[in-house]
Amino acid sequence: MLSGNITYIALPKQEAHNLSFYLAMEEYVAQHLTQVEEAFFLWQVAPTVIIGRNQVLENEVNLPYCREHGIDIVQRKSGGGGVYADKDNIMFSFVCSRHKDKTTPEMFSHYLQRVVEMLRSMGVEACTSDHNDIMIGDRKVSGWAVYQMQERIIVHGTMLYDTNMEHMLASITPSTEKLARKGVESVRQRICLLKDFIGERITIEEFKARAREFFCGEKVVTLSSEEANKIEELKN
């Protein structure tokens, strides 16, 4: 079953966690909540750069800038490029069991299309790209990645409701080739913010509520304090 019975995974307390905690939460849900066929949760973090598993830190991240501005750096287990996240954008996590009739890439595409459907339900003309991104027109608003753990699949992405654009551009180091080909200003022109399309109608908190309702309705599992502590141990 896909996207017919998604369960929202809530934490027992409303408190801030760093990005490593939420990556550990994905793994914990995948490993221990096997009775949940499909799980979903949203999260936000302090300014952080997340790079893919195959990326070289020094090549992808402006380390002096991140140190100067207190931006955390985390390497995830999924592939793909580096992304910047902060409290003004929203991270999505889906965890599901492998499907006997669908490959991992097909399941990945399925969730991207569902997110596009969610955005369209809010009046945003979004679409997917050939590079695992979600676009509004010809500008990127959301990037996604996937990885597999035994019989479970984790699909996660970031949604640019809003963000500190200066930090985003300065913390991730584009290659010399990319700079020469596109220029920093054109990189800015390739990214858009969701608030520019729905901000007059839907605040970031309302967006999170609508996303949760779209995927899960009233179906929710709240983790216990003991489970949250086990996620903290897994993170460490």
Protein backbone atom coordinates (compact mmCIF):
# COMPACT_ATOMS: atom_id res chain seq x y z
CA MET A 1 0.00 0.00 0.00
CA LEU A 2 1.31 3.46 -0.85
CA SER A 3 -0.06 6.79 0.38
CA GLY A 4 -3.40 5.35 1.37
CA ASN A 5 -2.69 4.92 5.05
CA ILE A 6 0.19 7.19 6.07
CA THR A 7 0.79 7.65 9.79
CA TYR A 8 2.15 10.90 11.18
CA ILE A 9 4.96 10.34 13.70
CA ALA A 10 4.97 12.89 16.50
CA LEU A 11 7.50 13.44 19.28
CA PRO A 12 6.33 13.49 22.91
CA LYS A 13 7.56 17.04 23.51
CA GLN A 14 7.64 20.17 21.36
CA GLU A 15 11.33 21.00 21.62
CA ALA A 16 14.15 21.84 19.25
CA HIS A 17 16.52 19.15 17.99
CA ASN A 18 19.48 19.29 15.65
CA LEU A 19 19.44 17.77 12.20
CA SER A 20 21.30 14.61 13.23
CA PHE A 21 18.45 13.81 15.63
CA TYR A 22 15.88 13.84 12.83
CA LEU A 23 18.05 11.67 10.58
CA ALA A 24 18.31 9.26 13.52
CA MET A 25 14.54 9.49 13.93
CA GLU A 26 14.10 8.34 10.33
CA GLU A 27 16.28 5.32 11.03
CA TYR A 28 14.53 4.56 14.30
CA VAL A 29 11.13 4.63 12.64
CA ALA A 30 12.42 2.43 9.81
CA GLN A 31 13.95 -0.12 12.20
CA HIS A 32 11.49 -0.20 15.09
CA LEU A 33 8.08 0.96 13.86
CA THR A 34 7.77 -1.84 11.35
CA GLN A 35 4.05 -2.16 12.10
CA VAL A 36 3.62 1.26 10.47
CA GLU A 37 3.46 0.60 6.73
CA GLU A 38 3.99 4.26 5.81
CA ALA A 39 5.21 6.98 8.15
CA PHE A 40 5.61 10.73 7.69
CA PHE A 41 6.86 13.62 9.76
CA LEU A 42 7.90 17.25 9.32
CA TRP A 43 10.79 19.03 11.00
CA GLN A 44 12.75 22.27 11.12
CA VAL A 45 16.28 22.94 12.29
CA ALA A 46 18.70 25.73 13.10
CA PRO A 47 20.92 26.75 10.14
CA THR A 48 22.57 23.59 8.81
CA VAL A 49 24.28 22.40 5.64
CA ILE A 50 23.54 18.79 4.72
CA ILE A 51 25.75 17.07 2.18
CA GLY A 52 25.20 13.74 0.40
CA ARG A 53 26.99 10.55 1.35
CA ASN A 54 29.37 10.65 -1.63
CA GLN A 55 30.31 14.31 -1.39
CA VAL A 56 33.67 15.60 -0.18
CA LEU A 57 33.13 18.11 2.63
CA GLU A 58 35.91 20.50 1.64
CA ASN A 59 34.70 20.61 -1.96
CA GLU A 60 31.04 21.26 -1.17
CA VAL A 61 30.95 23.47 1.92
CA ASN A 62 32.33 26.94 2.59
CA LEU A 63 33.81 25.93 5.95
CA PRO A 64 35.07 29.37 7.05
CA TYR A 65 31.68 30.94 6.33
CA CYS A 66 29.82 28.21 8.23
CA ARG A 67 32.13 28.56 11.24
CA GLU A 68 31.79 32.33 11.24
CA HIS A 69 27.97 32.21 11.12
CA GLY A 70 27.39 29.20 13.39
CA ILE A 71 26.01 26.97 10.63
CA ASP A 72 26.11 23.26 11.46
CA ILE A 73 27.35 20.71 8.90
CA VAL A 74 25.96 17.16 8.63
CA GLN A 75 26.57 14.36 6.13
CA ARG A 76 23.53 12.20 5.42
CA LYS A 77 23.35 8.59 4.23
CA SER A 78 21.36 9.37 1.09
CA GLY A 79 23.00 10.58 -2.11
CA GLY A 80 22.51 13.82 -3.97
CA GLY A 81 23.90 17.31 -3.54
CA GLY A 82 24.38 19.67 -0.65
CA VAL A 83 21.44 21.66 0.72
CA TYR A 84 21.01 24.40 3.29
CA ALA A 85 18.20 24.28 5.86
CA ASP A 86 17.02 26.65 8.58
CA LYS A 87 13.92 27.40 10.67
CA ASP A 88 12.25 29.11 7.72
CA ASN A 89 12.11 26.03 5.53
CA ILE A 90 10.55 22.65 6.18
CA MET A 91 12.02 19.18 6.00
CA PHE A 92 9.85 16.22 4.92
CA SER A 93 10.53 12.59 5.87
CA PHE A 94 8.69 9.55 4.52
CA VAL A 95 9.48 6.02 5.73
CA CYS A 96 7.86 3.03 4.07
CA SER A 97 8.24 -0.69 3.49
CA ARG A 98 9.55 -1.89 0.15
CA HIS A 99 6.78 -2.65 -2.31
CA LYS A 100 6.80 -5.96 -4.14
CA ASP A 101 5.55 -4.36 -7.35
CA LYS A 102 7.61 -1.16 -7.28
CA THR A 103 11.34 -0.47 -7.44
CA THR A 104 12.95 2.01 -5.07
CA PRO A 105 13.21 4.67 -7.83
CA GLU A 106 9.52 4.16 -8.62
CA MET A 107 8.58 4.59 -4.98
CA PHE A 108 10.79 7.68 -4.78
CA SER A 109 9.00 9.17 -7.78
CA HIS A 110 5.67 8.27 -6.20
CA TYR A 111 6.36 10.39 -3.10
CA LEU A 112 7.66 13.33 -5.13
CA GLN A 113 4.48 13.27 -7.17
CA ARG A 114 2.39 13.17 -4.00
CA VAL A 115 4.18 16.28 -2.72
CA VAL A 116 3.47 17.97 -6.04
CA GLU A 117 -0.20 17.05 -5.60
CA MET A 118 -0.14 18.56 -2.11
CA LEU A 119 1.27 21.83 -3.46
CA ARG A 120 -1.30 21.91 -6.24
CA SER A 121 -4.06 21.43 -3.66
CA MET A 122 -2.84 24.74 -2.21
CA GLY A 123 -2.99 26.49 -5.58
CA VAL A 124 0.71 26.17 -6.47
CA GLU A 125 1.50 25.02 -10.02
CA ALA A 126 4.37 22.69 -9.08
CA CYS A 127 5.96 19.88 -11.08
CA THR A 128 8.88 17.45 -10.79
CA SER A 129 12.16 17.80 -12.67
CA ASP A 130 14.59 15.23 -14.05
CA HIS A 131 16.95 15.88 -11.12
CA ASN A 132 14.79 14.80 -8.15
CA ASP A 133 13.63 18.37 -7.57
CA ILE A 134 10.22 19.99 -7.35
CA MET A 135 9.85 23.10 -9.44
CA ILE A 136 7.54 26.08 -9.72
CA GLY A 137 7.93 27.14 -13.30
CA ASP A 138 11.63 26.84 -14.05
CA ARG A 139 12.77 27.49 -10.47
CA LYS A 140 13.54 24.93 -7.76
CA VAL A 141 11.51 25.03 -4.56
CA SER A 142 12.29 21.57 -3.15
CA GLY A 143 15.08 18.97 -3.41
CA TRP A 144 14.82 15.27 -2.53
CA ALA A 145 16.91 12.15 -1.88
CA VAL A 146 16.31 8.48 -1.01
CA TYR A 147 18.10 5.58 0.64
CA GLN A 148 17.23 2.04 1.58
CA MET A 149 17.58 0.15 4.88
CA GLN A 150 16.99 -3.58 4.44
CA GLU A 151 13.26 -3.81 3.66
CA ARG A 152 12.51 -0.15 4.42
CA ILE A 153 12.92 2.99 2.32
CA ILE A 154 13.52 6.54 3.52
CA VAL A 155 12.59 9.46 1.26
CA HIS A 156 13.37 12.95 2.48
CA GLY A 157 13.46 16.48 1.15
CA THR A 158 13.49 20.15 1.97
CA MET A 159 10.75 22.63 1.10
CA LEU A 160 11.83 26.25 0.71
CA TYR A 161 8.91 28.06 2.27
CA ASP A 162 11.36 30.80 3.17
CA THR A 163 15.08 30.86 3.99
CA ASN A 164 18.09 33.07 4.56
CA MET A 165 19.17 33.27 0.93
CA GLU A 166 22.55 34.80 1.76
CA HIS A 167 23.41 31.87 4.02
CA MET A 168 22.13 29.40 1.47
CA LEU A 169 24.31 30.72 -1.31
CA ALA A 170 27.42 31.43 0.75
CA SER A 171 27.52 28.24 2.84
CA ILE A 172 27.49 25.80 -0.08
CA THR A 173 30.51 26.11 -2.35
CA PRO A 174 29.64 25.70 -6.03
CA SER A 175 32.28 24.25 -8.29
CA THR A 176 34.50 26.58 -10.33
CA GLU A 177 32.85 25.19 -13.44
CA LYS A 178 29.37 25.98 -12.11
CA LEU A 179 30.40 29.49 -11.13
CA ALA A 180 31.85 30.11 -14.56
CA ARG A 181 28.87 28.62 -16.34
CA LYS A 182 26.01 30.08 -14.33
CA GLY A 183 27.36 32.68 -11.92
CA VAL A 184 26.23 33.19 -8.36
CA GLU A 185 23.41 35.52 -9.37
CA SER A 186 21.92 32.98 -11.75
CA VAL A 187 22.04 30.35 -8.99
CA ARG A 188 19.83 32.71 -6.99
CA GLN A 189 17.52 33.04 -9.98
CA ARG A 190 17.09 29.25 -10.19
CA ILE A 191 15.64 29.03 -6.66
CA CYS A 192 12.24 30.25 -5.50
CA LEU A 193 10.50 30.55 -2.15
CA LEU A 194 7.06 29.09 -1.55
CA LYS A 195 5.99 32.11 0.52
CA ASP A 196 6.15 34.23 -2.65
CA PHE A 197 3.35 32.10 -4.09
CA ILE A 198 1.18 31.41 -1.05
CA GLY A 199 2.50 33.69 1.71
CA GLU A 200 -0.48 36.05 1.60
CA ARG A 201 -2.83 33.10 2.16
CA ILE A 202 -0.88 30.46 4.11
CA THR A 203 1.71 31.01 6.85
CA ILE A 204 4.50 28.51 7.44
CA GLU A 205 2.61 27.01 10.41
CA GLU A 206 -0.57 26.71 8.36
CA PHE A 207 1.44 25.08 5.58
CA LYS A 208 2.76 22.45 7.98
CA ALA A 209 -0.74 21.77 9.27
CA ARG A 210 -2.11 21.41 5.74
CA ALA A 211 0.73 19.10 4.70
CA ARG A 212 0.11 16.87 7.70
CA GLU A 213 -3.62 16.81 6.97
CA PHE A 214 -3.05 16.06 3.27
CA PHE A 215 -0.88 13.01 3.91
CA CYS A 216 -2.16 11.68 7.23
CA GLY A 217 -5.48 13.17 8.22
CA GLU A 218 -6.02 12.26 11.88
CA LYS A 219 -3.77 9.18 11.82
CA VAL A 220 -0.90 9.80 14.26
CA VAL A 221 1.47 7.84 16.49
CA THR A 222 3.17 9.78 19.27
CA LEU A 223 6.50 8.35 20.35
CA SER A 224 7.13 7.80 24.04
CA SER A 225 9.82 9.64 26.01
CA GLU A 226 11.74 6.36 26.12
CA GLU A 227 11.64 6.11 22.32
CA ALA A 228 12.78 9.73 22.00
CA ASN A 229 15.71 8.88 24.28
CA LYS A 230 16.58 5.91 22.09
CA ILE A 231 16.63 8.22 19.06
CA GLU A 232 19.00 10.50 20.96
CA GLU A 233 21.25 7.51 21.66
CA LEU A 234 21.12 6.49 18.00
CA LYS A 235 22.03 10.03 17.00
CA ASN A 236 25.06 9.99 19.27
